[in-house]
């Protein structure tokens, strides 16, 4: 028999887990799903060397956007897309600020 302990997690996360477990009742119970997720996270974390930690990204006010983050902006005309590459937000091949990324309507394709 496994020992059971409690752990405080954010209420929103717990609600999502319980909703998922309720919708997929053929899978393990919520507690088992949480244990599986934690074990998988620990296995990944222990297998990652310090050199593989993402060190690049774009710091925007209090938000850090890691390298590879994809951004999408919308206005009445349509969507515009950008991606964080290195330490820059790149839109149509040009490094832009978040303000510059919010294109004017005439700039949309």
Protein backbone atom coordinates (compact mmCIF):
# COMPACT_ATOMS: atom_id res chain seq x y z
CA UNK A 1 0.00 0.00 0.00
CA UNK A 2 1.26 3.47 -0.88
CA UNK A 3 1.47 6.19 1.73
CA UNK A 4 -0.78 9.15 0.97
CA UNK A 5 0.06 12.79 1.74
CA UNK A 6 -1.61 16.08 0.92
CA UNK A 7 -0.17 18.82 -1.22
CA UNK A 8 -1.49 22.34 -1.74
CA UNK A 9 -2.02 23.18 -5.41
CA UNK A 10 -3.83 26.13 -6.98
CA UNK A 11 -7.61 25.71 -6.91
CA UNK A 12 -7.85 26.35 -10.67
CA UNK A 13 -5.43 23.50 -11.38
CA UNK A 14 -7.30 21.17 -9.05
CA UNK A 15 -10.62 22.04 -10.71
CA UNK A 16 -9.19 21.33 -14.17
CA UNK A 17 -7.81 17.99 -12.97
CA UNK A 18 -11.11 16.97 -11.38
CA UNK A 19 -13.08 18.01 -14.48
CA UNK A 20 -10.74 15.99 -16.69
CA UNK A 21 -10.95 12.94 -14.42
CA UNK A 22 -14.75 13.22 -14.35
CA UNK A 23 -14.97 13.46 -18.15
CA UNK A 24 -12.59 10.50 -18.67
CA UNK A 25 -13.77 8.04 -16.05
CA UNK A 26 -12.12 5.04 -17.72
CA UNK A 27 -8.70 6.52 -16.93
CA UNK A 28 -7.04 6.58 -13.49
CA UNK A 29 -8.64 8.64 -10.73
CA UNK A 30 -7.62 12.27 -10.16
CA UNK A 31 -5.07 11.37 -7.48
CA UNK A 32 -3.42 8.80 -9.73
CA UNK A 33 -3.38 11.28 -12.64
CA UNK A 34 -1.68 13.86 -10.41
CA UNK A 35 0.91 11.30 -9.30
CA UNK A 36 1.59 10.30 -12.93
CA UNK A 37 2.01 13.94 -13.97
CA UNK A 38 4.41 14.65 -11.10
CA UNK A 39 6.46 11.51 -11.80
CA UNK A 40 6.71 12.37 -15.52
CA UNK A 41 7.72 15.95 -14.71
CA UNK A 42 10.41 14.74 -12.29
CA UNK A 43 11.76 12.29 -14.87
CA UNK A 44 12.00 15.05 -17.49
CA UNK A 45 13.52 17.52 -15.02
CA UNK A 46 16.16 15.06 -13.87
CA UNK A 47 17.04 14.13 -17.45
CA UNK A 48 17.59 17.72 -18.61
CA UNK A 49 21.10 19.10 -18.28
CA UNK A 50 21.68 22.70 -17.24
CA UNK A 51 22.88 23.55 -20.75
CA UNK A 52 19.48 22.62 -22.21
CA UNK A 53 17.53 25.10 -20.08
CA UNK A 54 16.02 27.80 -22.25
CA UNK A 55 17.95 30.98 -21.66
CA UNK A 56 16.58 33.04 -24.53
CA UNK A 57 13.30 34.84 -24.84
CA UNK A 58 11.66 38.25 -24.73
CA UNK A 59 10.98 40.06 -21.45
CA UNK A 60 7.90 42.26 -21.86
CA UNK A 61 6.96 44.21 -18.75
CA UNK A 62 6.37 41.45 -16.17
CA UNK A 63 5.87 38.68 -18.74
CA UNK A 64 8.68 36.47 -20.03
CA UNK A 65 8.04 34.92 -23.44
CA UNK A 66 10.43 31.97 -23.93
CA UNK A 67 12.08 31.40 -27.29
CA UNK A 68 9.66 29.63 -29.62
CA UNK A 69 6.56 31.40 -28.27
CA UNK A 70 4.13 32.20 -31.09
CA UNK A 71 2.08 35.39 -30.93
CA UNK A 72 -1.13 36.27 -32.73
CA UNK A 73 -2.78 39.70 -32.99
CA UNK A 74 -6.21 40.41 -34.44
CA UNK A 75 -8.12 43.40 -35.74
CA UNK A 76 -11.12 43.81 -38.05
CA UNK A 77 -9.07 42.88 -41.10
CA UNK A 78 -7.54 39.64 -39.83
CA UNK A 79 -4.70 38.08 -37.88
CA UNK A 80 -0.98 38.83 -37.74
CA UNK A 81 1.58 36.36 -36.41
CA UNK A 82 5.01 36.66 -34.82
CA UNK A 83 7.43 34.37 -33.02
CA UNK A 84 10.02 34.85 -30.30
CA UNK A 85 13.37 33.97 -31.88
CA UNK A 86 16.41 34.35 -29.66
CA UNK A 87 15.69 37.46 -27.61
CA UNK A 88 13.45 39.19 -30.17
CA UNK A 89 9.86 39.16 -31.36
CA UNK A 90 10.05 38.57 -35.12
CA UNK A 91 7.18 39.54 -37.44
CA UNK A 92 7.56 39.06 -41.20
CA UNK A 93 11.30 38.55 -40.73
CA UNK A 94 11.82 41.79 -38.79
CA UNK A 95 12.50 42.16 -35.05
CA UNK A 96 9.74 44.31 -33.54
CA UNK A 97 8.58 45.52 -30.14
CA UNK A 98 5.14 44.42 -28.86
CA UNK A 99 3.84 47.89 -29.79
CA UNK A 100 5.24 47.58 -33.31
CA UNK A 101 3.76 44.09 -33.63
CA UNK A 102 0.24 45.44 -33.20
CA UNK A 103 0.05 46.43 -36.87
CA UNK A 104 -2.13 49.08 -38.40
CA UNK A 105 -4.98 47.77 -40.52
CA UNK A 106 -3.18 48.65 -43.74
CA UNK A 107 -0.27 46.38 -42.73
CA UNK A 108 -2.33 43.21 -42.65
CA UNK A 109 -2.07 40.95 -45.69
